[in-house]
Amino acid sequence: MVSFGGVWRMFQVFIKEFPELEKPLALTFFFLPSLFFWGSGILKDSITFSALGYFVYSFYFVFIKPEKVFKKF
């Protein structure tokens, strides 16, 4: 669940910026990484991708659109 949380947060950021690309972004965020995950080493990709998602989400809401900075940081 932690792994999916990071991906979901990053998806939310990209949907806020590009609402017209919701369907293509869903394909790239949710379906392609799982294809590569099952074809490569176990767990390292999901942890890295999740951490990237949490980082992008925090960066967006702290530096680009500041909302509840201390909570998001």
Protein backbone atom coordinates (compact mmCIF):
# COMPACT_ATOMS: atom_id res chain seq x y z
CA MET A 1 0.00 0.00 0.00
CA VAL A 2 2.88 2.36 0.69
CA SER A 3 4.22 1.73 -2.80
CA PHE A 4 0.88 2.53 -4.43
CA GLY A 5 0.49 5.64 -2.28
CA GLY A 6 3.53 7.28 -3.82
CA VAL A 7 2.39 6.51 -7.34
CA TRP A 8 -1.11 7.81 -6.59
CA ARG A 9 0.24 11.08 -5.17
CA MET A 10 2.43 11.67 -8.22
CA PHE A 11 -0.56 10.91 -10.46
CA GLN A 12 -2.60 13.53 -8.58
CA VAL A 13 0.07 16.17 -9.16
CA PHE A 14 0.22 15.50 -12.88
CA ILE A 15 -3.59 15.52 -13.16
CA LYS A 16 -3.69 18.94 -11.48
CA GLU A 17 -1.26 20.29 -14.05
CA PHE A 18 -2.56 18.40 -17.12
CA PRO A 19 -6.25 17.53 -16.62
CA GLU A 20 -6.78 16.81 -20.31
CA LEU A 21 -4.26 13.94 -20.22
CA GLU A 22 -5.92 11.91 -17.47
CA LYS A 23 -6.33 8.67 -19.43
CA PRO A 24 -2.80 8.54 -20.94
CA LEU A 25 -1.29 9.45 -17.57
CA ALA A 26 -3.26 6.68 -15.88
CA LEU A 27 -1.86 4.19 -18.37
CA THR A 28 1.71 5.32 -17.82
CA PHE A 29 1.52 5.60 -14.03
CA PHE A 30 -0.49 2.52 -13.16
CA PHE A 31 -0.08 -0.09 -15.89
CA LEU A 32 3.37 0.32 -17.44
CA PRO A 33 5.37 0.31 -14.17
CA SER A 34 3.71 -2.93 -13.09
CA LEU A 35 4.69 -4.50 -16.40
CA PHE A 36 8.32 -3.56 -15.84
CA PHE A 37 8.15 -4.46 -12.14
CA TRP A 38 7.17 -8.06 -12.81
CA GLY A 39 9.83 -8.34 -15.50
CA SER A 40 12.74 -7.11 -13.37
CA GLY A 41 14.11 -7.48 -9.85
CA ILE A 42 11.54 -7.75 -7.11
CA LEU A 43 10.62 -4.78 -4.93
CA LYS A 44 13.45 -2.35 -5.68
CA ASP A 45 11.53 -0.74 -8.54
CA SER A 46 8.33 -0.30 -6.57
CA ILE A 47 10.15 1.28 -3.62
CA THR A 48 12.10 3.65 -5.86
CA PHE A 49 9.04 4.63 -7.91
CA SER A 50 7.02 5.17 -4.73
CA ALA A 51 9.73 7.35 -3.18
CA LEU A 52 9.87 9.39 -6.38
CA GLY A 53 6.10 9.85 -6.20
CA TYR A 54 6.18 11.11 -2.61
CA PHE A 55 9.09 13.42 -3.49
CA VAL A 56 7.29 14.93 -6.52
CA TYR A 57 4.10 15.41 -4.48
CA SER A 58 5.92 17.14 -1.63
CA PHE A 59 8.01 19.30 -3.97
CA TYR A 60 4.92 20.42 -5.87
CA PHE A 61 2.95 21.43 -2.79
CA VAL A 62 5.90 23.02 -0.96
CA PHE A 63 7.58 24.99 -3.77
CA ILE A 64 5.16 25.34 -6.69
CA LYS A 65 1.72 25.61 -5.04
CA PRO A 66 2.32 26.13 -1.31
CA GLU A 67 -0.54 24.56 0.64
CA LYS A 68 -0.05 23.37 4.22
CA VAL A 69 3.72 23.45 3.78
CA PHE A 70 4.66 21.74 7.05
CA LYS A 71 2.18 18.92 6.55
CA LYS A 72 3.33 18.22 2.97
CA PHE A 73 7.04 18.54 3.80
